[in-house]
Amino acid sequence: MSERFQILALDGGGIKGLFSAAVLAHIEEDLQTRIVDHFDLITGTSTGGIIALALGAGMRPRDVVSFYADEGAAIFRKKPLAGVRKFFRVRYENKPLEKALRKCVGDKLLGESTKRLVIPAYNLGEDSVYLFKTPHHERLKRDYKVPMWKVALATGAAPTFFPSYHGVDHVWLVDGGVWANNPTMVGVVEAVSMLCKPLDSISVLSLGTTDEVKMRSEKLRRGGLWQWREAAVDVIMRGQSVGAFTQAQHLLGKDKVTRIDPQVPHGLFALDNVSVEAILGKAAHVSRHFAPIVKENFVPHIATEYKPENVNRKGA
């Protein structure tokens, strides 16, 4: 059996990232440990990418909970005529988000992360996937120079919600959730291809942002663009998430992939609007069940110290 390698994978989900951060905070406090100490690699998309970056910057999950609770209303402040505007322009500008992120992680660079990170985005100009990575391999010589807040703006640029981000290498980037909202397989591929970890050594804690229970309309069965106009994005993103989870289970074994993503009624939590009290209550409830599982499956492993590869700080 190879030396164990543990991955923390954090889904996208807008302001529902408050749920993910709160679950981690409760688990830390229940088990009296630092959750990051038990993971060798953290991957996060969109709001999950923001949490991953915050953890890499040295913040505790409880600090991230405070960030979401304190800044969420300003980030998702609706504009006049928002109902009409959404058909022609993004719902929100990213200046409030940028301000909040800079207050959260300061001017720290991606290369200053204390953990290996992989953060998905998407390059609109090249119509191709884009991954921000800490310098955990000698080939990775560029991303470490990028400020964390810029990485967060890129991975969090959810289409129709926020504008694409143009602040890194002159490329137009949008939310990594368009291809990897659940980044579990991103983490597994990174561990195998870049870090040469055998599959039998890998375990994953995959943390969602709650899963809405929906009854799909019968009209979708033979529907065209009009019938699919609202359901298409949700179906595609949920399909990717479920697919990533099941693929990881098939590759690693069901006992090696733990998924926390409770089902909730349709409409209870939105990407840009939640009851803080309600979602914190859901996180408290769910974490009571999963804390013992995390203790048994993940806490015994202490991640090896992460040392960046060949980082030249000059001109960073």
C-alpha atoms as a PDB file:
ATOM      1  CA  MET A   1       0.000   0.000   0.000  1.00  0.00           C
ATOM      2  CA  SER A   2       1.383   3.390  -1.023  1.00  0.00           C
ATOM      3  CA  GLU A   3       1.670   6.365   1.308  1.00  0.00           C
ATOM      4  CA  ARG A   4      -1.732   7.966   1.717  1.00  0.00           C
ATOM      5  CA  PHE A   5      -2.581  11.153  -0.206  1.00  0.00           C
ATOM      6  CA  GLN A   6      -5.729  13.096   0.734  1.00  0.00           C
ATOM      7  CA  ILE A   7      -7.645  15.641  -1.358  1.00  0.00           C
ATOM      8  CA  LEU A   8     -10.210  18.200  -0.228  1.00  0.00           C
ATOM      9  CA  ALA A   9     -12.531  19.115  -3.141  1.00  0.00           C
ATOM     10  CA  LEU A  10     -14.846  22.121  -2.783  1.00  0.00           C
ATOM     11  CA  ASP A  11     -17.804  22.701  -5.127  1.00  0.00           C
ATOM     12  CA  GLY A  12     -19.017  25.947  -6.616  1.00  0.00           C
ATOM     13  CA  GLY A  13     -22.344  27.402  -5.508  1.00  0.00           C
ATOM     14  CA  GLY A  14     -22.258  31.176  -4.997  1.00  0.00           C
ATOM     15  CA  ILE A  15     -23.208  32.423  -1.564  1.00  0.00           C
ATOM     16  CA  LYS A  16     -24.000  28.811  -0.624  1.00  0.00           C
ATOM     17  CA  GLY A  17     -20.266  28.499  -0.011  1.00  0.00           C
ATOM     18  CA  LEU A  18     -21.302  29.635   3.452  1.00  0.00           C
ATOM     19  CA  PHE A  19     -22.596  26.083   3.962  1.00  0.00           C
ATOM     20  CA  SER A  20     -19.266  24.506   2.978  1.00  0.00           C
ATOM     21  CA  ALA A  21     -17.225  26.832   5.177  1.00  0.00           C
ATOM     22  CA  ALA A  22     -19.554  26.262   8.146  1.00  0.00           C
ATOM     23  CA  VAL A  23     -19.384  22.472   7.786  1.00  0.00           C
ATOM     24  CA  LEU A  24     -15.580  22.624   7.848  1.00  0.00           C
ATOM     25  CA  ALA A  25     -15.670  25.008  10.820  1.00  0.00           C
ATOM     26  CA  HIS A  26     -17.901  22.698  12.859  1.00  0.00           C
ATOM     27  CA  ILE A  27     -15.776  19.663  12.014  1.00  0.00           C
ATOM     28  CA  GLU A  28     -12.602  21.507  13.046  1.00  0.00           C
ATOM     29  CA  GLU A  29     -14.131  22.572  16.334  1.00  0.00           C
ATOM     30  CA  ASP A  30     -15.705  19.191  17.101  1.00  0.00           C
ATOM     31  CA  LEU A  31     -12.478  17.305  16.400  1.00  0.00           C
ATOM     32  CA  GLN A  32     -10.162  20.012  17.789  1.00  0.00           C
ATOM     33  CA  THR A  33      -7.916  19.959  14.755  1.00  0.00           C
ATOM     34  CA  ARG A  34      -6.925  22.089  11.771  1.00  0.00           C
ATOM     35  CA  ILE A  35      -8.690  20.610   8.773  1.00  0.00           C
ATOM     36  CA  VAL A  36      -5.948  21.661   6.333  1.00  0.00           C
ATOM     37  CA  ASP A  37      -3.380  19.642   8.267  1.00  0.00           C
ATOM     38  CA  HIS A  38      -4.999  16.463   6.990  1.00  0.00           C
ATOM     39  CA  PHE A  39      -5.080  17.242   3.256  1.00  0.00           C
ATOM     40  CA  ASP A  40      -2.191  17.156   0.796  1.00  0.00           C
ATOM     41  CA  LEU A  41      -4.055  18.965  -1.990  1.00  0.00           C
ATOM     42  CA  ILE A  42      -7.067  21.289  -2.043  1.00  0.00           C
ATOM     43  CA  THR A  43      -9.062  21.961  -5.189  1.00  0.00           C
ATOM     44  CA  GLY A  44     -11.986  24.347  -5.376  1.00  0.00           C
ATOM     45  CA  THR A  45     -14.203  25.866  -8.047  1.00  0.00           C
ATOM     46  CA  SER A  46     -15.913  29.270  -7.910  1.00  0.00           C
ATOM     47  CA  THR A  47     -17.021  29.785  -4.299  1.00  0.00           C
ATOM     48  CA  GLY A  48     -15.124  26.586  -3.485  1.00  0.00           C
ATOM     49  CA  GLY A  49     -12.059  28.171  -5.045  1.00  0.00           C
ATOM     50  CA  ILE A  50     -12.462  31.189  -2.770  1.00  0.00           C
ATOM     51  CA  ILE A  51     -12.597  28.886   0.256  1.00  0.00           C
ATOM     52  CA  ALA A  52      -9.561  26.922  -0.985  1.00  0.00           C
ATOM     53  CA  LEU A  53      -7.574  30.134  -1.460  1.00  0.00           C
ATOM     54  CA  ALA A  54      -8.571  31.392   1.987  1.00  0.00           C
ATOM     55  CA  LEU A  55      -7.438  28.116   3.565  1.00  0.00           C
ATOM     56  CA  GLY A  56      -4.180  28.305   1.623  1.00  0.00           C
ATOM     57  CA  ALA A  57      -3.718  31.862   2.884  1.00  0.00           C
ATOM     58  CA  GLY A  58      -3.854  30.582   6.458  1.00  0.00           C
ATOM     59  CA  MET A  59      -7.455  31.413   7.343  1.00  0.00           C
ATOM     60  CA  ARG A  60      -9.504  29.031   9.467  1.00  0.00           C
ATOM     61  CA  PRO A  61     -12.933  27.888   8.236  1.00  0.00           C
ATOM     62  CA  ARG A  62     -14.647  29.923  10.956  1.00  0.00           C
ATOM     63  CA  ASP A  63     -12.967  33.046   9.526  1.00  0.00           C
ATOM     64  CA  VAL A  64     -14.329  32.119   6.094  1.00  0.00           C
ATOM     65  CA  VAL A  65     -17.820  31.770   7.573  1.00  0.00           C
ATOM     66  CA  SER A  66     -17.522  35.326   8.871  1.00  0.00           C
ATOM     67  CA  PHE A  67     -16.361  36.500   5.443  1.00  0.00           C
ATOM     68  CA  TYR A  68     -19.463  35.119   3.731  1.00  0.00           C
ATOM     69  CA  ALA A  69     -21.852  36.290   6.445  1.00  0.00           C
ATOM     70  CA  ASP A  70     -20.382  39.799   6.556  1.00  0.00           C
ATOM     71  CA  GLU A  71     -19.752  40.414   2.844  1.00  0.00           C
ATOM     72  CA  GLY A  72     -22.477  38.417   1.092  1.00  0.00           C
ATOM     73  CA  ALA A  73     -25.105  41.166   1.075  1.00  0.00           C
ATOM     74  CA  ALA A  74     -22.697  43.699  -0.468  1.00  0.00           C
ATOM     75  CA  ILE A  75     -21.414  41.256  -3.098  1.00  0.00           C
ATOM     76  CA  PHE A  76     -24.929  40.268  -4.188  1.00  0.00           C
ATOM     77  CA  ARG A  77     -26.661  43.635  -3.880  1.00  0.00           C
ATOM     78  CA  LYS A  78     -29.404  43.767  -6.478  1.00  0.00           C
ATOM     79  CA  LYS A  79     -29.643  46.712  -8.864  1.00  0.00           C
ATOM     80  CA  PRO A  80     -32.769  48.579 -10.000  1.00  0.00           C
ATOM     81  CA  LEU A  81     -34.666  46.707 -12.715  1.00  0.00           C
ATOM     82  CA  ALA A  82     -32.684  43.569 -11.911  1.00  0.00           C
ATOM     83  CA  GLY A  83     -35.449  41.343 -13.281  1.00  0.00           C
ATOM     84  CA  VAL A  84     -35.198  42.936 -16.734  1.00  0.00           C
ATOM     85  CA  ARG A  85     -31.441  43.584 -16.639  1.00  0.00           C
ATOM     86  CA  LYS A  86     -30.565  39.890 -16.241  1.00  0.00           C
ATOM     87  CA  PHE A  87     -31.692  39.201 -19.835  1.00  0.00           C
ATOM     88  CA  PHE A  88     -29.156  41.651 -21.275  1.00  0.00           C
ATOM     89  CA  ARG A  89     -26.361  42.206 -18.735  1.00  0.00           C
ATOM     90  CA  VAL A  90     -24.749  40.464 -15.789  1.00  0.00           C
ATOM     91  CA  ARG A  91     -26.690  40.764 -12.549  1.00  0.00           C
ATOM     92  CA  TYR A  92     -23.777  42.053 -10.484  1.00  0.00           C
ATOM     93  CA  GLU A  93     -20.591  44.012 -11.012  1.00  0.00           C
ATOM     94  CA  ASN A  94     -17.431  42.471  -9.571  1.00  0.00           C
ATOM     95  CA  LYS A  95     -16.080  45.560  -7.788  1.00  0.00           C
ATOM     96  CA  PRO A  96     -17.775  44.710  -4.452  1.00  0.00           C
ATOM     97  CA  LEU A  97     -16.496  41.141  -4.785  1.00  0.00           C
ATOM     98  CA  GLU A  98     -12.980  42.375  -5.546  1.00  0.00           C
ATOM     99  CA  LYS A  99     -13.069  44.688  -2.526  1.00  0.00           C
ATOM    100  CA  ALA A 100     -14.231  41.861  -0.264  1.00  0.00           C
ATOM    101  CA  LEU A 101     -11.626  39.425  -1.605  1.00  0.00           C
ATOM    102  CA  ARG A 102      -8.769  41.884  -1.161  1.00  0.00           C
ATOM    103  CA  LYS A 103      -9.875  42.432   2.408  1.00  0.00           C
ATOM    104  CA  CYS A 104     -10.026  38.651   2.877  1.00  0.00           C
ATOM    105  CA  VAL A 105      -6.677  37.457   1.450  1.00  0.00           C
ATOM    106  CA  GLY A 106      -4.845  40.773   1.118  1.00  0.00           C
ATOM    107  CA  ASP A 107      -2.072  40.889  -1.469  1.00  0.00           C
ATOM    108  CA  LYS A 108      -0.883  37.320  -0.969  1.00  0.00           C
ATOM    109  CA  LEU A 109       0.238  35.549  -4.109  1.00  0.00           C
ATOM    110  CA  LEU A 110      -0.923  32.100  -5.123  1.00  0.00           C
ATOM    111  CA  GLY A 111       2.660  30.963  -4.600  1.00  0.00           C
ATOM    112  CA  GLU A 112       2.427  31.941  -0.932  1.00  0.00           C
ATOM    113  CA  SER A 113      -0.214  29.320  -0.223  1.00  0.00           C
ATOM    114  CA  THR A 114       0.696  26.913   2.552  1.00  0.00           C
ATOM    115  CA  LYS A 115      -1.140  24.105   0.722  1.00  0.00           C
ATOM    116  CA  ARG A 116      -1.056  22.730  -2.810  1.00  0.00           C
ATOM    117  CA  LEU A 117      -3.992  24.287  -4.678  1.00  0.00           C
ATOM    118  CA  VAL A 118      -5.683  23.671  -8.025  1.00  0.00           C
ATOM    119  CA  ILE A 119      -8.359  26.212  -8.989  1.00  0.00           C
ATOM    120  CA  PRO A 120     -10.388  25.702 -12.209  1.00  0.00           C
ATOM    121  CA  ALA A 121     -11.493  28.534 -14.502  1.00  0.00           C
ATOM    122  CA  TYR A 122     -12.412  28.685 -18.196  1.00  0.00           C
ATOM    123  CA  ASN A 123     -10.698  30.676 -20.973  1.00  0.00           C
ATOM    124  CA  LEU A 124     -13.404  32.200 -23.187  1.00  0.00           C
ATOM    125  CA  GLY A 125     -10.960  33.507 -25.783  1.00  0.00           C
ATOM    126  CA  GLU A 126      -9.408  30.096 -26.432  1.00  0.00           C
ATOM    127  CA  ASP A 127     -12.581  28.161 -25.584  1.00  0.00           C
ATOM    128  CA  SER A 128     -10.504  25.962 -23.306  1.00  0.00           C
ATOM    129  CA  VAL A 129     -10.167  24.917 -19.680  1.00  0.00           C
ATOM    130  CA  TYR A 130      -7.808  26.922 -17.462  1.00  0.00           C
ATOM    131  CA  LEU A 131      -6.236  25.787 -14.195  1.00  0.00           C
ATOM    132  CA  PHE A 132      -4.473  27.948 -11.622  1.00  0.00           C
ATOM    133  CA  LYS A 133      -1.910  25.921  -9.700  1.00  0.00           C
ATOM    134  CA  THR A 134       0.498  26.490  -6.857  1.00  0.00           C
ATOM    135  CA  PRO A 135       4.128  25.650  -7.762  1.00  0.00           C
ATOM    136  CA  HIS A 136       3.924  22.048  -6.576  1.00  0.00           C
ATOM    137  CA  HIS A 137       5.777  20.750  -9.645  1.00  0.00           C
ATOM    138  CA  GLU A 138       8.910  22.037 -11.343  1.00  0.00           C
ATOM    139  CA  ARG A 139       6.926  22.698 -14.552  1.00  0.00           C
ATOM    140  CA  LEU A 140       4.621  25.181 -12.810  1.00  0.00           C
ATOM    141  CA  LYS A 141       6.457  28.478 -13.200  1.00  0.00           C
ATOM    142  CA  ARG A 142       3.807  31.141 -13.824  1.00  0.00           C
ATOM    143  CA  ASP A 143       0.678  31.053 -11.657  1.00  0.00           C
ATOM    144  CA  TYR A 144       2.521  31.538  -8.376  1.00  0.00           C
ATOM    145  CA  LYS A 145       2.993  35.209  -9.279  1.00  0.00           C
ATOM    146  CA  VAL A 146      -0.770  35.868  -9.484  1.00  0.00           C
ATOM    147  CA  PRO A 147      -2.430  37.510  -6.448  1.00  0.00           C
ATOM    148  CA  MET A 148      -4.947  35.213  -4.795  1.00  0.00           C
ATOM    149  CA  TRP A 149      -7.749  37.753  -5.142  1.00  0.00           C
ATOM    150  CA  LYS A 150      -7.309  37.724  -8.921  1.00  0.00           C
ATOM    151  CA  VAL A 151      -7.511  33.928  -9.007  1.00  0.00           C
ATOM    152  CA  ALA A 152     -10.693  34.159  -6.927  1.00  0.00           C
ATOM    153  CA  LEU A 153     -12.259  36.720  -9.284  1.00  0.00           C
ATOM    154  CA  ALA A 154     -11.510  34.459 -12.255  1.00  0.00           C
ATOM    155  CA  THR A 155     -12.860  31.214 -10.833  1.00  0.00           C
ATOM    156  CA  GLY A 156     -15.870  33.073  -9.411  1.00  0.00           C
ATOM    157  CA  ALA A 157     -16.876  34.890 -12.617  1.00  0.00           C
ATOM    158  CA  ALA A 158     -20.134  32.978 -12.989  1.00  0.00           C
ATOM    159  CA  PRO A 159     -21.743  33.675 -16.384  1.00  0.00           C
ATOM    160  CA  THR A 160     -24.836  35.928 -16.150  1.00  0.00           C
ATOM    161  CA  PHE A 161     -23.992  36.747 -12.511  1.00  0.00           C
ATOM    162  CA  PHE A 162     -20.564  38.409 -12.848  1.00  0.00           C
ATOM    163  CA  PRO A 163     -18.555  39.702 -15.825  1.00  0.00           C
ATOM    164  CA  SER A 164     -15.661  37.660 -17.161  1.00  0.00           C
ATOM    165  CA  TYR A 165     -12.300  38.526 -15.622  1.00  0.00           C
ATOM    166  CA  HIS A 166      -9.504  40.008 -17.744  1.00  0.00           C
ATOM    167  CA  GLY A 167      -6.855  40.664 -15.096  1.00  0.00           C
ATOM    168  CA  VAL A 168      -4.507  37.694 -15.629  1.00  0.00           C
ATOM    169  CA  ASP A 169      -2.257  37.472 -18.707  1.00  0.00           C
ATOM    170  CA  HIS A 170      -4.800  39.360 -20.874  1.00  0.00           C
ATOM    171  CA  VAL A 171      -7.118  36.351 -21.140  1.00  0.00           C
ATOM    172  CA  TRP A 172     -10.892  36.413 -20.597  1.00  0.00           C
ATOM    173  CA  LEU A 173     -11.705  34.006 -17.798  1.00  0.00           C
ATOM    174  CA  VAL A 174     -15.005  32.808 -16.386  1.00  0.00           C
ATOM    175  CA  ASP A 175     -16.156  30.504 -13.618  1.00  0.00           C
ATOM    176  CA  GLY A 176     -14.575  27.049 -13.596  1.00  0.00           C
ATOM    177  CA  GLY A 177     -18.033  25.707 -12.819  1.00  0.00           C
ATOM    178  CA  VAL A 178     -18.834  25.658 -16.539  1.00  0.00           C
ATOM    179  CA  TRP A 179     -16.756  22.464 -16.725  1.00  0.00           C
ATOM    180  CA  ALA A 180     -15.802  21.397 -13.184  1.00  0.00           C
ATOM    181  CA  ASN A 181     -18.291  22.678 -10.621  1.00  0.00           C
ATOM    182  CA  ASN A 182     -17.442  19.589  -8.605  1.00  0.00           C
ATOM    183  CA  PRO A 183     -13.633  19.522  -8.916  1.00  0.00           C
ATOM    184  CA  THR A 184     -13.123  16.054  -7.427  1.00  0.00           C
ATOM    185  CA  MET A 185     -11.706  14.596 -10.640  1.00  0.00           C
ATOM    186  CA  VAL A 186      -9.547  17.704 -11.155  1.00  0.00           C
ATOM    187  CA  GLY A 187      -7.865  16.865  -7.865  1.00  0.00           C
ATOM    188  CA  VAL A 188      -7.523  13.167  -8.663  1.00  0.00           C
ATOM    189  CA  VAL A 189      -5.990  13.849 -12.091  1.00  0.00           C
ATOM    190  CA  GLU A 190      -3.555  16.360 -10.567  1.00  0.00           C
ATOM    191  CA  ALA A 191      -2.474  13.874  -7.924  1.00  0.00           C
ATOM    192  CA  VAL A 192      -1.865  11.129 -10.491  1.00  0.00           C
ATOM    193  CA  SER A 193      -0.470  13.084 -13.450  1.00  0.00           C
ATOM    194  CA  MET A 194       1.561  15.848 -11.793  1.00  0.00           C
ATOM    195  CA  LEU A 195       2.404  14.384  -8.404  1.00  0.00           C
ATOM    196  CA  CYS A 196       2.750  10.748  -9.494  1.00  0.00           C
ATOM    197  CA  LYS A 197       0.482   9.397  -6.770  1.00  0.00           C
ATOM    198  CA  PRO A 198      -0.889   5.894  -7.356  1.00  0.00           C
ATOM    199  CA  LEU A 199      -4.672   5.576  -7.351  1.00  0.00           C
ATOM    200  CA  ASP A 200      -4.664   3.236  -4.382  1.00  0.00           C
ATOM    201  CA  SER A 201      -3.112   5.953  -2.208  1.00  0.00           C
ATOM    202  CA  ILE A 202      -5.751   8.633  -2.855  1.00  0.00           C
ATOM    203  CA  SER A 203      -8.747   9.519  -0.675  1.00  0.00           C
ATOM    204  CA  VAL A 204     -11.112  12.433  -1.294  1.00  0.00           C
ATOM    205  CA  LEU A 205     -13.406  14.510   0.892  1.00  0.00           C
ATOM    206  CA  SER A 206     -15.810  16.135  -1.581  1.00  0.00           C
ATOM    207  CA  LEU A 207     -17.890  18.983  -0.172  1.00  0.00           C
ATOM    208  CA  GLY A 208     -20.914  20.376  -2.019  1.00  0.00           C
ATOM    209  CA  THR A 209     -23.061  23.419  -1.333  1.00  0.00           C
ATOM    210  CA  THR A 210     -26.402  21.544  -0.954  1.00  0.00           C
ATOM    211  CA  ASP A 211     -28.271  19.671  -3.680  1.00  0.00           C
ATOM    212  CA  GLU A 212     -31.755  20.853  -4.654  1.00  0.00           C
ATOM    213  CA  VAL A 213     -34.442  18.209  -5.082  1.00  0.00           C
ATOM    214  CA  LYS A 214     -36.204  18.944  -8.382  1.00  0.00           C
ATOM    215  CA  MET A 215     -38.899  17.274 -10.411  1.00  0.00           C
ATOM    216  CA  ARG A 216     -38.025  17.878 -14.038  1.00  0.00           C
ATOM    217  CA  SER A 217     -40.884  19.005 -16.242  1.00  0.00           C
ATOM    218  CA  GLU A 218     -42.248  16.449 -18.695  1.00  0.00           C
ATOM    219  CA  LYS A 219     -41.950  19.183 -21.339  1.00  0.00           C
ATOM    220  CA  LEU A 220     -38.172  18.664 -21.346  1.00  0.00           C
ATOM    221  CA  ARG A 221     -38.567  15.203 -22.853  1.00  0.00           C
ATOM    222  CA  ARG A 222     -39.350  16.605 -26.295  1.00  0.00           C
ATOM    223  CA  GLY A 223     -38.725  20.277 -25.656  1.00  0.00           C
ATOM    224  CA  GLY A 224     -36.755  22.778 -27.679  1.00  0.00           C
ATOM    225  CA  LEU A 225     -34.797  25.863 -26.698  1.00  0.00           C
ATOM    226  CA  TRP A 226     -37.769  27.520 -25.022  1.00  0.00           C
ATOM    227  CA  GLN A 227     -38.574  24.564 -22.767  1.00  0.00           C
ATOM    228  CA  TRP A 228     -34.909  24.083 -21.857  1.00  0.00           C
ATOM    229  CA  ARG A 229     -34.049  27.776 -21.376  1.00  0.00           C
ATOM    230  CA  GLU A 230     -34.025  27.600 -17.560  1.00  0.00           C
ATOM    231  CA  ALA A 231     -33.274  23.930 -16.941  1.00  0.00           C
ATOM    232  CA  ALA A 232     -30.300  23.414 -19.270  1.00  0.00           C
ATOM    233  CA  VAL A 233     -27.572  25.013 -17.143  1.00  0.00           C
ATOM    234  CA  ASP A 234     -28.785  23.333 -13.966  1.00  0.00           C
ATOM    235  CA  VAL A 235     -29.020  19.896 -15.597  1.00  0.00           C
ATOM    236  CA  ILE A 236     -25.554  20.207 -17.141  1.00  0.00           C
ATOM    237  CA  MET A 237     -23.909  21.364 -13.900  1.00  0.00           C
ATOM    238  CA  ARG A 238     -25.634  18.746 -11.784  1.00  0.00           C
ATOM    239  CA  GLY A 239     -24.728  16.081 -14.331  1.00  0.00           C
ATOM    240  CA  GLN A 240     -21.065  17.097 -14.175  1.00  0.00           C
ATOM    241  CA  SER A 241     -21.117  17.029 -10.383  1.00  0.00           C
ATOM    242  CA  VAL A 242     -22.715  13.597 -10.125  1.00  0.00           C
ATOM    243  CA  GLY A 243     -20.469  12.324 -12.909  1.00  0.00           C
ATOM    244  CA  ALA A 244     -17.296  13.511 -11.200  1.00  0.00           C
ATOM    245  CA  PHE A 245     -18.331  11.864  -7.947  1.00  0.00           C
ATOM    246  CA  THR A 246     -19.203   8.519  -9.514  1.00  0.00           C
ATOM    247  CA  GLN A 247     -16.075   8.517 -11.706  1.00  0.00           C
ATOM    248  CA  ALA A 248     -13.923   9.070  -8.622  1.00  0.00           C
ATOM    249  CA  GLN A 249     -15.715   6.250  -6.826  1.00  0.00           C
ATOM    250  CA  HIS A 250     -15.085   3.883  -9.743  1.00  0.00           C
ATOM    251  CA  LEU A 251     -11.406   4.822  -9.925  1.00  0.00           C
ATOM    252  CA  LEU A 252     -10.589   4.936  -6.229  1.00  0.00           C
ATOM    253  CA  GLY A 253     -13.249   2.746  -4.627  1.00  0.00           C
ATOM    254  CA  LYS A 254     -16.437   3.810  -2.863  1.00  0.00           C
ATOM    255  CA  ASP A 255     -14.741   3.774   0.534  1.00  0.00           C
ATOM    256  CA  LYS A 256     -12.131   6.288  -0.698  1.00  0.00           C
ATOM    257  CA  VAL A 257     -14.551   9.083  -1.670  1.00  0.00           C
ATOM    258  CA  THR A 258     -16.683  10.795   0.964  1.00  0.00           C
ATOM    259  CA  ARG A 259     -19.313  13.199  -0.389  1.00  0.00           C
ATOM    260  CA  ILE A 260     -21.078  15.812   1.756  1.00  0.00           C
ATOM    261  CA  ASP A 261     -23.908  17.401  -0.245  1.00  0.00           C
ATOM    262  CA  PRO A 262     -27.305  17.168   1.482  1.00  0.00           C
ATOM    263  CA  GLN A 263     -30.513  17.412  -0.488  1.00  0.00           C
ATOM    264  CA  VAL A 264     -32.720  20.412   0.220  1.00  0.00           C
ATOM    265  CA  PRO A 265     -36.118  21.513  -1.149  1.00  0.00           C
ATOM    266  CA  HIS A 266     -36.161  23.379  -4.436  1.00  0.00           C
ATOM    267  CA  GLY A 267     -35.882  27.127  -3.903  1.00  0.00           C
ATOM    268  CA  LEU A 268     -34.641  26.970  -0.306  1.00  0.00           C
ATOM    269  CA  PHE A 269     -31.182  28.366  -1.138  1.00  0.00           C
ATOM    270  CA  ALA A 270     -30.196  30.339  -4.252  1.00  0.00           C
ATOM    271  CA  LEU A 271     -26.749  31.022  -5.692  1.00  0.00           C
ATOM    272  CA  ASP A 272     -27.122  34.698  -4.821  1.00  0.00           C
ATOM    273  CA  ASN A 273     -29.623  34.696  -1.968  1.00  0.00           C
ATOM    274  CA  VAL A 274     -29.819  32.618   1.205  1.00  0.00           C
ATOM    275  CA  SER A 275     -31.077  32.964   4.727  1.00  0.00           C
ATOM    276  CA  VAL A 276     -27.832  33.032   6.706  1.00  0.00           C
ATOM    277  CA  GLU A 277     -29.511  31.498   9.730  1.00  0.00           C
ATOM    278  CA  ALA A 278     -31.110  28.713   7.706  1.00  0.00           C
ATOM    279  CA  ILE A 279     -27.970  27.679   5.846  1.00  0.00           C
ATOM    280  CA  LEU A 280     -25.866  27.813   9.014  1.00  0.00           C
ATOM    281  CA  GLY A 281     -28.461  25.618  10.693  1.00  0.00           C
ATOM    282  CA  LYS A 282     -28.262  23.116   7.834  1.00  0.00           C
ATOM    283  CA  ALA A 283     -24.457  23.070   8.112  1.00  0.00           C
ATOM    284  CA  ALA A 284     -24.620  22.497  11.860  1.00  0.00           C
ATOM    285  CA  HIS A 285     -27.018  19.584  11.397  1.00  0.00           C
ATOM    286  CA  VAL A 286     -25.072  17.912   8.582  1.00  0.00           C
ATOM    287  CA  SER A 287     -21.703  18.295  10.299  1.00  0.00           C
ATOM    288  CA  ARG A 288     -22.976  16.385  13.372  1.00  0.00           C
ATOM    289  CA  HIS A 289     -23.291  13.313  11.167  1.00  0.00           C
ATOM    290  CA  PHE A 290     -20.092  13.730   9.167  1.00  0.00           C
ATOM    291  CA  ALA A 291     -17.642  14.796  11.891  1.00  0.00           C
ATOM    292  CA  PRO A 292     -17.179  11.182  13.137  1.00  0.00           C
ATOM    293  CA  ILE A 293     -16.746   9.985   9.546  1.00  0.00           C
ATOM    294  CA  VAL A 294     -14.079  12.606   8.864  1.00  0.00           C
ATOM    295  CA  LYS A 295     -12.402  11.691  12.154  1.00  0.00           C
ATOM    296  CA  GLU A 296     -12.214   8.026  11.167  1.00  0.00           C
ATOM    297  CA  ASN A 297     -11.404   8.388   7.469  1.00  0.00           C
ATOM    298  CA  PHE A 298      -9.232  11.513   7.236  1.00  0.00           C
ATOM    299  CA  VAL A 299      -7.905  12.785  10.574  1.00  0.00           C
ATOM    300  CA  PRO A 300      -5.428   9.925  11.187  1.00  0.00           C
ATOM    301  CA  HIS A 301      -3.432  11.125   8.175  1.00  0.00           C
ATOM    302  CA  ILE A 302      -1.170  14.149   8.613  1.00  0.00           C
ATOM    303  CA  ALA A 303      -0.276  15.762   5.293  1.00  0.00           C
ATOM    304  CA  THR A 304       3.387  15.975   4.436  1.00  0.00           C
ATOM    305  CA  GLU A 305       4.857  19.466   4.470  1.00  0.00           C
ATOM    306  CA  TYR A 306       4.303  21.316   1.206  1.00  0.00           C
ATOM    307  CA  LYS A 307       7.410  22.930  -0.279  1.00  0.00           C
ATOM    308  CA  PRO A 308       6.991  25.010  -3.475  1.00  0.00           C
ATOM    309  CA  GLU A 309       9.138  23.888  -6.398  1.00  0.00           C
ATOM    310  CA  ASN A 310      11.740  26.297  -7.822  1.00  0.00           C
ATOM    311  CA  VAL A 311       9.904  29.536  -7.040  1.00  0.00           C
ATOM    312  CA  ASN A 312      11.871  32.599  -8.089  1.00  0.00           C
ATOM    313  CA  ARG A 313      10.509  35.562  -6.109  1.00  0.00           C
ATOM    314  CA  LYS A 314      12.322  38.163  -8.181  1.00  0.00           C
ATOM    315  CA  GLY A 315       9.894  40.313 -10.090  1.00  0.00           C
ATOM    316  CA  ALA A 316       6.904  38.516  -8.594  1.00  0.00           C
END
